[in-house]
Amino acid sequence: MATLLDFIVALLTSIGDLVVIFLRDVALRGDPLALLVFLVGAGLTTAAVVGFGLLVVGALADGVGITPPSPGRTPSRRDR
C-alpha cells in the first residue's frame, strides 16, 4: 500500500519528468504552436488547481470556525 510520502515523492518526480518532457519534446523542436498549446494547457490546469485549492482552504477554515473579513461593502450605520 502506498503511503503519503510515496505519493508526494511520485508527485514531485512526475513534475520533474514533465519539465524534461517539455524541454525535450516541445520547446526544443521549434514548433511555436505546440509550445503555445502546451503553455496554455499548463496555465489553465494551474489556474484550476489553485482555484480549487482556495475553495478547499476556505471550506476547511469555515469548518473550524475561522471567518475571514469580507471584501464586500461595509454595513451602514443603521445596520450596526
Protein backbone atom coordinates (compact mmCIF):
# COMPACT_ATOMS: atom_id res chain seq x y z
CA MET A 1 0.00 0.00 0.00
CA ALA A 2 1.33 3.43 -0.92
CA THR A 3 1.94 5.89 1.86
CA LEU A 4 1.54 9.65 1.78
CA LEU A 5 5.30 10.06 1.49
CA ASP A 6 5.37 7.73 -1.55
CA PHE A 7 2.61 9.81 -3.13
CA ILE A 8 4.44 13.10 -2.55
CA VAL A 9 7.70 11.68 -3.92
CA ALA A 10 5.89 10.35 -7.01
CA LEU A 11 4.19 13.71 -7.50
CA LEU A 12 7.43 15.67 -7.29
CA THR A 13 9.18 13.18 -9.56
CA SER A 14 6.43 13.50 -12.15
CA ILE A 15 6.75 17.30 -12.06
CA GLY A 16 10.44 16.93 -12.81
CA ASP A 17 9.65 14.49 -15.62
CA LEU A 18 7.16 16.95 -17.06
CA VAL A 19 9.83 19.65 -17.22
CA VAL A 20 12.17 17.27 -19.05
CA ILE A 21 9.41 16.23 -21.48
CA PHE A 22 8.54 19.88 -22.08
CA LEU A 23 12.13 20.84 -22.84
CA ARG A 24 12.96 17.77 -24.92
CA ASP A 25 9.74 17.19 -26.85
CA VAL A 26 8.12 20.63 -27.10
CA ALA A 27 10.44 23.58 -26.58
CA LEU A 28 13.48 22.31 -28.48
CA ARG A 29 11.54 21.11 -31.53
CA GLY A 30 10.99 24.67 -32.71
CA ASP A 31 7.23 24.42 -33.30
CA PRO A 32 5.78 27.63 -31.80
CA LEU A 33 2.18 26.39 -31.97
CA ALA A 34 2.97 23.27 -29.93
CA LEU A 35 4.79 25.42 -27.41
CA LEU A 36 1.83 27.79 -27.16
CA VAL A 37 -0.69 24.96 -26.75
CA PHE A 38 1.43 23.33 -24.07
CA LEU A 39 1.84 26.57 -22.12
CA VAL A 40 -1.86 27.45 -22.35
CA GLY A 41 -2.80 23.98 -21.13
CA ALA A 42 -0.35 24.24 -18.25
CA GLY A 43 -1.69 27.68 -17.34
CA LEU A 44 -5.32 26.54 -17.38
CA THR A 45 -4.50 23.47 -15.31
CA THR A 46 -2.58 25.56 -12.78
CA ALA A 47 -5.43 28.08 -12.51
CA ALA A 48 -7.95 25.29 -11.92
CA VAL A 49 -5.80 23.65 -9.23
CA VAL A 50 -5.18 26.96 -7.46
CA GLY A 51 -8.88 27.88 -7.59
CA PHE A 52 -9.93 24.51 -6.22
CA GLY A 53 -7.26 24.74 -3.54
CA LEU A 54 -8.58 28.12 -2.42
CA LEU A 55 -12.09 26.70 -2.20
CA VAL A 56 -10.86 23.77 -0.11
CA VAL A 57 -8.91 26.04 2.25
CA GLY A 58 -11.96 28.28 2.62
CA ALA A 59 -14.22 25.31 3.36
CA LEU A 60 -11.78 23.94 5.94
CA ALA A 61 -11.45 27.35 7.58
CA ASP A 62 -15.23 27.71 7.68
CA GLY A 63 -15.50 24.22 9.15
CA VAL A 64 -13.31 25.10 12.12
CA GLY A 65 -14.97 28.49 12.63
CA ILE A 66 -12.44 30.85 11.06
CA THR A 67 -14.23 33.64 9.21
CA PRO A 68 -12.03 35.92 7.13
CA PRO A 69 -13.03 39.57 6.77
CA SER A 70 -15.42 40.17 3.90
CA PRO A 71 -14.10 42.20 0.97
CA GLY A 72 -17.66 43.38 0.31
CA ARG A 73 -19.21 46.67 1.31
CA THR A 74 -19.24 47.71 4.93
CA PRO A 75 -22.51 47.73 6.87
CA SER A 76 -24.32 51.04 7.05
CA ARG A 77 -24.73 52.88 10.35
CA ARG A 78 -28.34 51.77 10.53
CA ASP A 79 -27.36 48.09 10.35
CA ARG A 80 -24.76 48.29 13.14
